[in-house]
């Protein structure tokens, strides 16, 4: 891969561009098609989680989160 990034973590709710739009645009770039993308967000609805899956997110963690759980998920999706 041309990039030096191993993982993208995004929120759903952001000011200038929403997380769903961001992930959709990232997935359109061939260099990032296989990049793991996690949502780390307060959003917990099944509907939002399904949208995340549909647009190519790798995983979903809800805030507040356990730092150890975050590390486990990061290790799982980056190895």
N, C-alpha and C. Protein backbone atom coordinates (compact mmCIF):
# COMPACT_ATOMS: atom_id res chain seq x y z
N UNK A 1 0.83 -1.19 0.00
CA UNK A 1 0.00 0.00 0.00
C UNK A 1 0.88 1.25 0.00
N UNK A 2 0.41 2.29 -0.63
CA UNK A 2 1.18 3.53 -0.74
C UNK A 2 1.11 4.37 0.53
N UNK A 3 0.13 4.12 1.37
CA UNK A 3 -0.04 4.96 2.54
C UNK A 3 0.73 4.40 3.74
N UNK A 4 0.91 5.24 4.74
CA UNK A 4 1.61 4.84 5.95
C UNK A 4 0.65 4.69 7.13
N UNK A 5 -0.61 4.61 6.84
CA UNK A 5 -1.64 4.51 7.87
C UNK A 5 -2.09 3.05 7.97
N UNK A 6 -2.21 2.53 9.19
CA UNK A 6 -2.64 1.15 9.39
C UNK A 6 -4.12 1.04 9.72
N UNK A 7 -4.72 2.13 10.17
CA UNK A 7 -6.08 2.10 10.68
C UNK A 7 -6.64 3.51 10.69
N UNK A 8 -7.93 3.64 10.39
CA UNK A 8 -8.63 4.92 10.51
C UNK A 8 -9.69 4.76 11.59
N UNK A 9 -9.74 5.72 12.51
CA UNK A 9 -10.78 5.77 13.53
C UNK A 9 -11.55 7.07 13.31
N UNK A 10 -12.86 6.95 13.19
CA UNK A 10 -13.70 8.11 12.92
C UNK A 10 -14.91 8.11 13.85
N UNK A 11 -15.43 9.29 14.09
CA UNK A 11 -16.71 9.42 14.78
C UNK A 11 -17.78 9.50 13.70
N UNK A 12 -19.02 9.29 14.09
CA UNK A 12 -20.14 9.47 13.17
C UNK A 12 -20.47 10.96 13.08
N UNK A 13 -20.49 11.62 14.23
CA UNK A 13 -20.89 13.02 14.31
C UNK A 13 -19.66 13.92 14.33
N UNK A 14 -19.44 14.60 13.21
CA UNK A 14 -18.33 15.55 13.10
C UNK A 14 -18.87 16.82 12.45
N UNK A 15 -18.17 17.93 12.65
CA UNK A 15 -18.71 19.22 12.23
C UNK A 15 -18.76 19.44 10.73
N UNK A 16 -17.64 19.32 10.05
CA UNK A 16 -17.61 19.71 8.63
C UNK A 16 -18.09 18.61 7.70
N UNK A 17 -17.76 17.37 8.03
CA UNK A 17 -18.16 16.24 7.21
C UNK A 17 -18.55 15.11 8.15
N UNK A 18 -19.72 14.55 7.96
CA UNK A 18 -20.15 13.45 8.81
C UNK A 18 -19.30 12.21 8.59
N UNK A 19 -19.26 11.36 9.58
CA UNK A 19 -18.45 10.15 9.51
C UNK A 19 -18.85 9.22 8.38
N UNK A 20 -20.14 9.10 8.13
CA UNK A 20 -20.59 8.21 7.05
C UNK A 20 -20.08 8.72 5.69
N UNK A 21 -20.17 10.03 5.49
CA UNK A 21 -19.68 10.62 4.23
C UNK A 21 -18.16 10.44 4.13
N UNK A 22 -17.46 10.66 5.23
CA UNK A 22 -16.00 10.49 5.25
C UNK A 22 -15.60 9.06 4.86
N UNK A 23 -16.22 8.07 5.50
CA UNK A 23 -15.88 6.68 5.22
C UNK A 23 -16.24 6.31 3.78
N UNK A 24 -17.37 6.80 3.30
CA UNK A 24 -17.75 6.54 1.92
C UNK A 24 -16.69 7.07 0.96
N UNK A 25 -16.19 8.28 1.21
CA UNK A 25 -15.17 8.86 0.34
C UNK A 25 -13.85 8.10 0.46
N UNK A 26 -13.47 7.70 1.67
CA UNK A 26 -12.24 6.93 1.86
C UNK A 26 -12.32 5.63 1.08
N UNK A 27 -13.45 4.95 1.15
CA UNK A 27 -13.61 3.66 0.46
C UNK A 27 -13.57 3.79 -1.07
N UNK A 28 -13.81 4.99 -1.60
CA UNK A 28 -13.73 5.20 -3.04
C UNK A 28 -12.30 5.29 -3.54
N UNK A 29 -11.35 5.51 -2.63
CA UNK A 29 -9.93 5.63 -2.99
C UNK A 29 -9.31 4.23 -2.99
N UNK A 30 -8.79 3.78 -4.14
CA UNK A 30 -8.23 2.43 -4.22
C UNK A 30 -7.14 2.14 -3.18
N UNK A 31 -6.39 3.16 -2.78
CA UNK A 31 -5.33 2.96 -1.79
C UNK A 31 -5.88 2.64 -0.40
N UNK A 32 -7.16 2.92 -0.18
CA UNK A 32 -7.74 2.73 1.15
C UNK A 32 -8.88 1.71 1.16
N UNK A 33 -9.08 1.01 0.07
CA UNK A 33 -10.20 0.06 0.01
C UNK A 33 -10.11 -1.02 1.07
N UNK A 34 -8.92 -1.49 1.37
CA UNK A 34 -8.75 -2.54 2.37
C UNK A 34 -8.36 -2.05 3.75
N UNK A 35 -8.30 -0.75 3.92
CA UNK A 35 -7.91 -0.16 5.20
C UNK A 35 -8.96 -0.43 6.27
N UNK A 36 -8.56 -0.93 7.44
CA UNK A 36 -9.53 -1.07 8.53
C UNK A 36 -10.03 0.32 8.97
N UNK A 37 -11.34 0.44 9.14
CA UNK A 37 -11.94 1.69 9.61
C UNK A 37 -12.87 1.36 10.77
N UNK A 38 -12.61 2.00 11.90
CA UNK A 38 -13.46 1.83 13.08
C UNK A 38 -14.23 3.11 13.35
N UNK A 39 -15.48 2.95 13.72
CA UNK A 39 -16.24 4.09 14.26
C UNK A 39 -16.13 4.04 15.77
N UNK A 40 -15.76 5.15 16.37
CA UNK A 40 -15.71 5.31 17.81
C UNK A 40 -16.66 6.46 18.12
N UNK A 41 -17.84 6.14 18.64
CA UNK A 41 -18.92 7.12 18.65
C UNK A 41 -19.89 6.89 19.80
N UNK A 42 -20.69 7.89 20.09
CA UNK A 42 -21.76 7.73 21.08
C UNK A 42 -22.99 7.10 20.46
N UNK A 43 -23.03 7.03 19.14
CA UNK A 43 -24.19 6.46 18.45
C UNK A 43 -24.26 4.95 18.70
N UNK A 44 -25.42 4.46 19.10
CA UNK A 44 -25.54 3.05 19.47
C UNK A 44 -26.67 2.33 18.73
N UNK A 45 -27.37 3.02 17.85
CA UNK A 45 -28.54 2.39 17.23
C UNK A 45 -28.12 1.32 16.22
N UNK A 46 -28.93 0.28 16.13
CA UNK A 46 -28.68 -0.78 15.15
C UNK A 46 -28.70 -0.21 13.73
N UNK A 47 -29.56 0.78 13.51
CA UNK A 47 -29.66 1.40 12.19
C UNK A 47 -28.33 2.05 11.79
N UNK A 48 -27.73 2.80 12.70
CA UNK A 48 -26.45 3.44 12.41
C UNK A 48 -25.36 2.40 12.20
N UNK A 49 -25.37 1.35 13.03
CA UNK A 49 -24.36 0.29 12.88
C UNK A 49 -24.50 -0.39 11.52
N UNK A 50 -25.73 -0.60 11.07
CA UNK A 50 -25.96 -1.21 9.76
C UNK A 50 -25.46 -0.30 8.64
N UNK A 51 -25.71 0.99 8.76
CA UNK A 51 -25.19 1.93 7.76
C UNK A 51 -23.67 1.84 7.73
N UNK A 52 -23.05 1.79 8.91
CA UNK A 52 -21.60 1.67 8.97
C UNK A 52 -21.10 0.44 8.25
N UNK A 53 -21.76 -0.69 8.48
CA UNK A 53 -21.37 -1.93 7.78
C UNK A 53 -21.56 -1.78 6.28
N UNK A 54 -22.70 -1.20 5.88
CA UNK A 54 -23.03 -1.07 4.46
C UNK A 54 -22.02 -0.21 3.70
N UNK A 55 -21.45 0.79 4.36
CA UNK A 55 -20.50 1.66 3.66
C UNK A 55 -19.07 1.19 3.81
N UNK A 56 -18.85 0.11 4.55
CA UNK A 56 -17.52 -0.48 4.59
C UNK A 56 -16.73 -0.31 5.86
N UNK A 57 -17.37 0.11 6.95
CA UNK A 57 -16.65 0.20 8.21
C UNK A 57 -16.31 -1.21 8.69
N UNK A 58 -15.16 -1.33 9.32
CA UNK A 58 -14.69 -2.62 9.81
C UNK A 58 -15.27 -2.95 11.18
N UNK A 59 -15.48 -1.92 12.01
CA UNK A 59 -15.98 -2.17 13.35
C UNK A 59 -16.60 -0.93 13.95
N UNK A 60 -17.21 -1.11 15.12
CA UNK A 60 -17.98 -0.06 15.79
C UNK A 60 -17.76 -0.17 17.29
N UNK A 61 -17.28 0.88 17.91
CA UNK A 61 -17.11 0.94 19.36
C UNK A 61 -17.89 2.13 19.89
N UNK A 62 -18.60 1.91 20.98
CA UNK A 62 -19.41 2.98 21.55
C UNK A 62 -18.68 3.69 22.67
N UNK A 63 -18.83 5.03 22.70
CA UNK A 63 -18.32 5.84 23.81
C UNK A 63 -19.36 5.81 24.92
N UNK A 64 -18.98 5.84 26.16
CA UNK A 64 -17.59 5.72 26.62
C UNK A 64 -17.08 4.31 26.35
N UNK A 65 -15.79 4.20 26.10
CA UNK A 65 -15.21 2.91 25.75
C UNK A 65 -14.12 2.54 26.76
N UNK A 66 -13.85 1.28 26.83
CA UNK A 66 -12.78 0.76 27.66
C UNK A 66 -11.50 0.78 26.82
N UNK A 67 -10.47 1.50 27.28
CA UNK A 67 -9.23 1.58 26.50
C UNK A 67 -8.65 0.21 26.16
N UNK A 68 -8.77 -0.75 27.06
CA UNK A 68 -8.25 -2.09 26.78
C UNK A 68 -9.03 -2.75 25.65
N UNK A 69 -10.34 -2.52 25.63
CA UNK A 69 -11.17 -3.07 24.55
C UNK A 69 -10.78 -2.43 23.22
N UNK A 70 -10.54 -1.12 23.22
CA UNK A 70 -10.11 -0.44 22.00
C UNK A 70 -8.80 -1.06 21.49
N UNK A 71 -7.85 -1.27 22.38
CA UNK A 71 -6.58 -1.87 21.97
C UNK A 71 -6.77 -3.27 21.40
N UNK A 72 -7.66 -4.05 22.01
CA UNK A 72 -7.94 -5.40 21.50
C UNK A 72 -8.49 -5.33 20.08
N UNK A 73 -9.42 -4.44 19.87
CA UNK A 73 -10.04 -4.31 18.54
C UNK A 73 -9.00 -3.82 17.53
N UNK A 74 -8.20 -2.84 17.92
CA UNK A 74 -7.17 -2.33 17.01
C UNK A 74 -6.20 -3.44 16.62
N UNK A 75 -5.76 -4.22 17.60
CA UNK A 75 -4.85 -5.34 17.29
C UNK A 75 -5.51 -6.34 16.36
N UNK A 76 -6.78 -6.62 16.61
CA UNK A 76 -7.49 -7.62 15.80
C UNK A 76 -7.61 -7.17 14.34
N UNK A 77 -7.92 -5.90 14.11
CA UNK A 77 -8.15 -5.46 12.73
C UNK A 77 -6.87 -5.05 12.00
N UNK A 78 -5.75 -4.91 12.71
CA UNK A 78 -4.52 -4.50 12.04
C UNK A 78 -3.52 -5.63 11.88
N UNK A 79 -3.86 -6.82 12.34
CA UNK A 79 -2.93 -7.96 12.20
C UNK A 79 -3.51 -9.05 11.34
